[in-house]
Amino acid sequence: MPKMKSHRGSAKRFSRTGSGKIKRNRANKSHILTTKTTKRKRQLRRPAEVAEQDVPRLERLLPYL
């Protein structure tokens, strides 16, 4: 059976942590930054963990991640 293809758009946006969880970047950090507080912008730098409801879908999109 041939290898499965990874969804390339998803592969560029998600990665694994050391414990095997899926990591994502946060939204709302690209423009209109003048209205956002410094604290909010600083917290948006940190990656977030993908919600457990979305993990099965990402496992199908990224079989080798």
PDB file of N, CA and C in Angstrom:
ATOM      1  N   MET A   1       0.854  -1.185   0.000  1.00  0.00           N
ATOM      2  CA  MET A   1       0.000   0.000   0.000  1.00  0.00           C
ATOM      3  C   MET A   1       0.897   1.245   0.000  1.00  0.00           C
ATOM      4  N   PRO A   2       0.560   2.265  -0.797  1.00  0.00           N
ATOM      5  CA  PRO A   2       1.417   3.456  -0.846  1.00  0.00           C
ATOM      6  C   PRO A   2       1.326   4.269   0.444  1.00  0.00           C
ATOM      7  N   LYS A   3       2.320   5.100   0.609  1.00  0.00           N
ATOM      8  CA  LYS A   3       2.316   5.983   1.771  1.00  0.00           C
ATOM      9  C   LYS A   3       1.184   7.000   1.634  1.00  0.00           C
ATOM     10  N   MET A   4       0.625   7.415   2.785  1.00  0.00           N
ATOM     11  CA  MET A   4      -0.402   8.450   2.775  1.00  0.00           C
ATOM     12  C   MET A   4       0.264   9.806   2.639  1.00  0.00           C
ATOM     13  N   LYS A   5      -0.434  10.736   2.010  1.00  0.00           N
ATOM     14  CA  LYS A   5       0.101  12.086   1.877  1.00  0.00           C
ATOM     15  C   LYS A   5      -0.376  12.947   3.037  1.00  0.00           C
ATOM     16  N   SER A   6       0.518  13.771   3.541  1.00  0.00           N
ATOM     17  CA  SER A   6       0.148  14.734   4.567  1.00  0.00           C
ATOM     18  C   SER A   6      -0.531  15.923   3.907  1.00  0.00           C
ATOM     19  N   HIS A   7      -1.456  16.528   4.612  1.00  0.00           N
ATOM     20  CA  HIS A   7      -2.094  17.756   4.134  1.00  0.00           C
ATOM     21  C   HIS A   7      -1.076  18.875   4.337  1.00  0.00           C
ATOM     22  N   ARG A   8      -0.520  19.388   3.233  1.00  0.00           N
ATOM     23  CA  ARG A   8       0.625  20.286   3.322  1.00  0.00           C
ATOM     24  C   ARG A   8       0.292  21.602   4.021  1.00  0.00           C
ATOM     25  N   GLY A   9      -0.929  22.112   3.831  1.00  0.00           N
ATOM     26  CA  GLY A   9      -1.307  23.345   4.511  1.00  0.00           C
ATOM     27  C   GLY A   9      -1.318  23.162   6.020  1.00  0.00           C
ATOM     28  N   SER A  10      -1.801  22.014   6.476  1.00  0.00           N
ATOM     29  CA  SER A  10      -1.830  21.730   7.909  1.00  0.00           C
ATOM     30  C   SER A  10      -0.433  21.451   8.441  1.00  0.00           C
ATOM     31  N   ALA A  11       0.392  20.796   7.641  1.00  0.00           N
ATOM     32  CA  ALA A  11       1.740  20.453   8.084  1.00  0.00           C
ATOM     33  C   ALA A  11       2.563  21.698   8.381  1.00  0.00           C
ATOM     34  N   LYS A  12       2.269  22.793   7.692  1.00  0.00           N
ATOM     35  CA  LYS A  12       2.999  24.038   7.925  1.00  0.00           C
ATOM     36  C   LYS A  12       2.505  24.778   9.158  1.00  0.00           C
ATOM     37  N   ARG A  13       1.318  24.422   9.649  1.00  0.00           N
ATOM     38  CA  ARG A  13       0.721  25.162  10.756  1.00  0.00           C
ATOM     39  C   ARG A  13       0.776  24.446  12.100  1.00  0.00           C
ATOM     40  N   PHE A  14       0.989  23.140  12.091  1.00  0.00           N
ATOM     41  CA  PHE A  14       0.954  22.366  13.325  1.00  0.00           C
ATOM     42  C   PHE A  14       2.247  21.595  13.506  1.00  0.00           C
ATOM     43  N   SER A  15       2.607  21.349  14.771  1.00  0.00           N
ATOM     44  CA  SER A  15       3.765  20.519  15.074  1.00  0.00           C
ATOM     45  C   SER A  15       3.499  19.771  16.371  1.00  0.00           C
ATOM     46  N   ARG A  16       4.345  18.798  16.664  1.00  0.00           N
ATOM     47  CA  ARG A  16       4.184  17.986  17.867  1.00  0.00           C
ATOM     48  C   ARG A  16       5.038  18.535  19.002  1.00  0.00           C
ATOM     49  N   THR A  17       4.558  18.349  20.214  1.00  0.00           N
ATOM     50  CA  THR A  17       5.371  18.650  21.385  1.00  0.00           C
ATOM     51  C   THR A  17       6.147  17.392  21.746  1.00  0.00           C
ATOM     52  N   GLY A  18       7.015  17.494  22.722  1.00  0.00           N
ATOM     53  CA  GLY A  18       7.793  16.340  23.149  1.00  0.00           C
ATOM     54  C   GLY A  18       6.931  15.219  23.698  1.00  0.00           C
ATOM     55  N   SER A  19       5.789  15.577  24.317  1.00  0.00           N
ATOM     56  CA  SER A  19       4.911  14.554  24.893  1.00  0.00           C
ATOM     57  C   SER A  19       3.907  14.017  23.895  1.00  0.00           C
ATOM     58  N   GLY A  20       3.936  14.527  22.644  1.00  0.00           N
ATOM     59  CA  GLY A  20       3.064  13.989  21.606  1.00  0.00           C
ATOM     60  C   GLY A  20       1.794  14.782  21.354  1.00  0.00           C
ATOM     61  N   LYS A  21       1.606  15.872  22.076  1.00  0.00           N
ATOM     62  CA  LYS A  21       0.430  16.703  21.825  1.00  0.00           C
ATOM     63  C   LYS A  21       0.674  17.550  20.570  1.00  0.00           C
ATOM     64  N   ILE A  22      -0.397  18.091  19.999  1.00  0.00           N
ATOM     65  CA  ILE A  22      -0.268  18.897  18.784  1.00  0.00           C
ATOM     66  C   ILE A  22      -0.317  20.369  19.172  1.00  0.00           C
ATOM     67  N   LYS A  23       0.626  21.127  18.622  1.00  0.00           N
ATOM     68  CA  LYS A  23       0.824  22.528  18.959  1.00  0.00           C
ATOM     69  C   LYS A  23       0.376  23.388  17.785  1.00  0.00           C
ATOM     70  N   ARG A  24      -0.237  24.539  18.096  1.00  0.00           N
ATOM     71  CA  ARG A  24      -0.670  25.467  17.056  1.00  0.00           C
ATOM     72  C   ARG A  24      -0.278  26.882  17.456  1.00  0.00           C
ATOM     73  N   ASN A  25      -0.218  27.775  16.469  1.00  0.00           N
ATOM     74  CA  ASN A  25       0.019  29.180  16.767  1.00  0.00           C
ATOM     75  C   ASN A  25      -1.318  29.859  17.015  1.00  0.00           C
ATOM     76  N   ARG A  26      -1.277  30.979  17.713  1.00  0.00           N
ATOM     77  CA  ARG A  26      -2.498  31.694  18.057  1.00  0.00           C
ATOM     78  C   ARG A  26      -2.891  32.671  16.952  1.00  0.00           C
ATOM     79  N   ALA A  27      -4.173  32.939  16.862  1.00  0.00           N
ATOM     80  CA  ALA A  27      -4.691  33.880  15.874  1.00  0.00           C
ATOM     81  C   ALA A  27      -4.616  35.309  16.425  1.00  0.00           C
ATOM     82  N   ASN A  28      -4.982  36.273  15.606  1.00  0.00           N
ATOM     83  CA  ASN A  28      -5.114  37.690  15.971  1.00  0.00           C
ATOM     84  C   ASN A  28      -3.790  38.380  16.264  1.00  0.00           C
ATOM     85  N   LYS A  29      -2.726  37.993  15.582  1.00  0.00           N
ATOM     86  CA  LYS A  29      -1.419  38.619  15.829  1.00  0.00           C
ATOM     87  C   LYS A  29      -0.840  39.227  14.554  1.00  0.00           C
ATOM     88  N   SER A  30      -1.671  39.467  13.527  1.00  0.00           N
ATOM     89  CA  SER A  30      -1.111  39.925  12.263  1.00  0.00           C
ATOM     90  C   SER A  30      -1.333  41.398  11.954  1.00  0.00           C
ATOM     91  N   HIS A  31      -2.470  41.958  12.336  1.00  0.00           N
ATOM     92  CA  HIS A  31      -2.702  43.378  12.046  1.00  0.00           C
ATOM     93  C   HIS A  31      -3.671  43.957  13.072  1.00  0.00           C
ATOM     94  N   ILE A  32      -3.864  45.266  12.994  1.00  0.00           N
ATOM     95  CA  ILE A  32      -4.652  46.028  13.970  1.00  0.00           C
ATOM     96  C   ILE A  32      -4.105  45.792  15.378  1.00  0.00           C
ATOM     97  N   LEU A  33      -2.795  45.895  15.503  1.00  0.00           N
ATOM     98  CA  LEU A  33      -2.154  45.624  16.787  1.00  0.00           C
ATOM     99  C   LEU A  33      -2.172  46.829  17.717  1.00  0.00           C
ATOM    100  N   THR A  34      -2.487  48.011  17.178  1.00  0.00           N
ATOM    101  CA  THR A  34      -2.472  49.205  18.031  1.00  0.00           C
ATOM    102  C   THR A  34      -3.597  49.189  19.055  1.00  0.00           C
ATOM    103  N   THR A  35      -4.685  48.502  18.755  1.00  0.00           N
ATOM    104  CA  THR A  35      -5.809  48.468  19.696  1.00  0.00           C
ATOM    105  C   THR A  35      -5.659  47.371  20.741  1.00  0.00           C
ATOM    106  N   LYS A  36      -4.679  46.499  20.579  1.00  0.00           N
ATOM    107  CA  LYS A  36      -4.496  45.384  21.517  1.00  0.00           C
ATOM    108  C   LYS A  36      -3.460  45.768  22.569  1.00  0.00           C
ATOM    109  N   THR A  37      -3.688  45.322  23.785  1.00  0.00           N
ATOM    110  CA  THR A  37      -2.771  45.670  24.863  1.00  0.00           C
ATOM    111  C   THR A  37      -1.457  44.919  24.690  1.00  0.00           C
ATOM    112  N   THR A  38      -0.417  45.454  25.324  1.00  0.00           N
ATOM    113  CA  THR A  38       0.901  44.820  25.269  1.00  0.00           C
ATOM    114  C   THR A  38       0.844  43.416  25.856  1.00  0.00           C
ATOM    115  N   LYS A  39       0.100  43.262  26.934  1.00  0.00           N
ATOM    116  CA  LYS A  39      -0.034  41.950  27.573  1.00  0.00           C
ATOM    117  C   LYS A  39      -0.668  40.946  26.622  1.00  0.00           C
ATOM    118  N   ARG A  40      -1.724  41.381  25.938  1.00  0.00           N
ATOM    119  CA  ARG A  40      -2.419  40.475  25.012  1.00  0.00           C
ATOM    120  C   ARG A  40      -1.504  40.059  23.856  1.00  0.00           C
ATOM    121  N   LYS A  41      -0.755  41.020  23.303  1.00  0.00           N
ATOM    122  CA  LYS A  41       0.151  40.716  22.189  1.00  0.00           C
ATOM    123  C   LYS A  41       1.265  39.786  22.636  1.00  0.00           C
ATOM    124  N   ARG A  42       1.764  39.988  23.844  1.00  0.00           N
ATOM    125  CA  ARG A  42       2.823  39.127  24.378  1.00  0.00           C
ATOM    126  C   ARG A  42       2.318  37.695  24.566  1.00  0.00           C
ATOM    127  N   GLN A  43       1.092  37.558  25.068  1.00  0.00           N
ATOM    128  CA  GLN A  43       0.533  36.231  25.281  1.00  0.00           C
ATOM    129  C   GLN A  43       0.216  35.522  23.968  1.00  0.00           C
ATOM    130  N   LEU A  44      -0.060  36.286  22.915  1.00  0.00           N
ATOM    131  CA  LEU A  44      -0.338  35.679  21.609  1.00  0.00           C
ATOM    132  C   LEU A  44       0.912  35.082  20.970  1.00  0.00           C
ATOM    133  N   ARG A  45       2.096  35.466  21.458  1.00  0.00           N
ATOM    134  CA  ARG A  45       3.337  34.895  20.915  1.00  0.00           C
ATOM    135  C   ARG A  45       3.471  33.420  21.256  1.00  0.00           C
ATOM    136  N   ARG A  46       2.961  33.042  22.424  1.00  0.00           N
ATOM    137  CA  ARG A  46       3.126  31.666  22.893  1.00  0.00           C
ATOM    138  C   ARG A  46       2.233  30.708  22.123  1.00  0.00           C
ATOM    139  N   PRO A  47       2.755  29.557  21.715  1.00  0.00           N
ATOM    140  CA  PRO A  47       1.894  28.593  21.032  1.00  0.00           C
ATOM    141  C   PRO A  47       0.873  27.996  21.991  1.00  0.00           C
ATOM    142  N   ALA A  48      -0.200  27.470  21.419  1.00  0.00           N
ATOM    143  CA  ALA A  48      -1.261  26.853  22.208  1.00  0.00           C
ATOM    144  C   ALA A  48      -1.373  25.389  21.813  1.00  0.00           C
ATOM    145  N   GLU A  49      -2.029  24.634  22.667  1.00  0.00           N
ATOM    146  CA  GLU A  49      -2.272  23.220  22.396  1.00  0.00           C
ATOM    147  C   GLU A  49      -3.612  23.093  21.667  1.00  0.00           C
ATOM    148  N   VAL A  50      -3.692  22.188  20.706  1.00  0.00           N
ATOM    149  CA  VAL A  50      -4.923  21.958  19.955  1.00  0.00           C
ATOM    150  C   VAL A  50      -5.951  21.309  20.881  1.00  0.00           C
ATOM    151  N   ALA A  51      -7.199  21.718  20.781  1.00  0.00           N
ATOM    152  CA  ALA A  51      -8.275  21.161  21.607  1.00  0.00           C
ATOM    153  C   ALA A  51      -8.437  19.675  21.321  1.00  0.00           C
ATOM    154  N   GLU A  52      -8.781  18.912  22.339  1.00  0.00           N
ATOM    155  CA  GLU A  52      -8.861  17.451  22.187  1.00  0.00           C
ATOM    156  C   GLU A  52      -9.915  17.011  21.175  1.00  0.00           C
ATOM    157  N   GLN A  53     -10.955  17.846  20.958  1.00  0.00           N
ATOM    158  CA  GLN A  53     -11.977  17.513  19.972  1.00  0.00           C
ATOM    159  C   GLN A  53     -11.426  17.562  18.546  1.00  0.00           C
ATOM    160  N   ASP A  54     -10.398  18.387  18.313  1.00  0.00           N
ATOM    161  CA  ASP A  54      -9.835  18.557  16.977  1.00  0.00           C
ATOM    162  C   ASP A  54      -8.680  17.598  16.680  1.00  0.00           C
ATOM    163  N   VAL A  55      -8.171  16.932  17.688  1.00  0.00           N
ATOM    164  CA  VAL A  55      -7.000  16.062  17.495  1.00  0.00           C
ATOM    165  C   VAL A  55      -7.279  14.925  16.514  1.00  0.00           C
ATOM    166  N   PRO A  56      -8.404  14.201  16.581  1.00  0.00           N
ATOM    167  CA  PRO A  56      -8.622  13.110  15.622  1.00  0.00           C
ATOM    168  C   PRO A  56      -8.610  13.570  14.164  1.00  0.00           C
ATOM    169  N   ARG A  57      -9.156  14.750  13.898  1.00  0.00           N
ATOM    170  CA  ARG A  57      -9.164  15.283  12.538  1.00  0.00           C
ATOM    171  C   ARG A  57      -7.737  15.582  12.073  1.00  0.00           C
ATOM    172  N   LEU A  58      -6.932  16.152  12.966  1.00  0.00           N
ATOM    173  CA  LEU A  58      -5.549  16.460  12.598  1.00  0.00           C
ATOM    174  C   LEU A  58      -4.717  15.198  12.435  1.00  0.00           C
ATOM    175  N   GLU A  59      -5.027  14.157  13.185  1.00  0.00           N
ATOM    176  CA  GLU A  59      -4.309  12.888  13.034  1.00  0.00           C
ATOM    177  C   GLU A  59      -4.522  12.326  11.631  1.00  0.00           C
ATOM    178  N   ARG A  60      -5.722  12.519  11.084  1.00  0.00           N
ATOM    179  CA  ARG A  60      -5.987  12.053   9.723  1.00  0.00           C
ATOM    180  C   ARG A  60      -5.287  12.923   8.689  1.00  0.00           C
ATOM    181  N   LEU A  61      -5.253  14.241   8.927  1.00  0.00           N
ATOM    182  CA  LEU A  61      -4.599  15.148   7.986  1.00  0.00           C
ATOM    183  C   LEU A  61      -3.082  14.975   7.976  1.00  0.00           C
ATOM    184  N   LEU A  62      -2.526  14.621   9.163  1.00  0.00           N
ATOM    185  CA  LEU A  62      -1.075  14.565   9.318  1.00  0.00           C
ATOM    186  C   LEU A  62      -0.663  13.188   9.845  1.00  0.00           C
ATOM    187  N   PRO A  63      -0.688  12.167   9.006  1.00  0.00           N
ATOM    188  CA  PRO A  63      -0.408  10.818   9.501  1.00  0.00           C
ATOM    189  C   PRO A  63       1.013  10.614  10.017  1.00  0.00           C
ATOM    190  N   TYR A  64       1.975  11.419   9.554  1.00  0.00           N
ATOM    191  CA  TYR A  64       3.370  11.199   9.949  1.00  0.00           C
ATOM    192  C   TYR A  64       3.933  12.315  10.814  1.00  0.00           C
ATOM    193  N   LEU A  65       3.059  13.192  11.340  1.00  0.00           N
ATOM    194  CA  LEU A  65       3.534  14.299  12.160  1.00  0.00           C
ATOM    195  C   LEU A  65       3.937  13.785  13.527  1.00  0.00           C
TER     196      LEU A  65
END
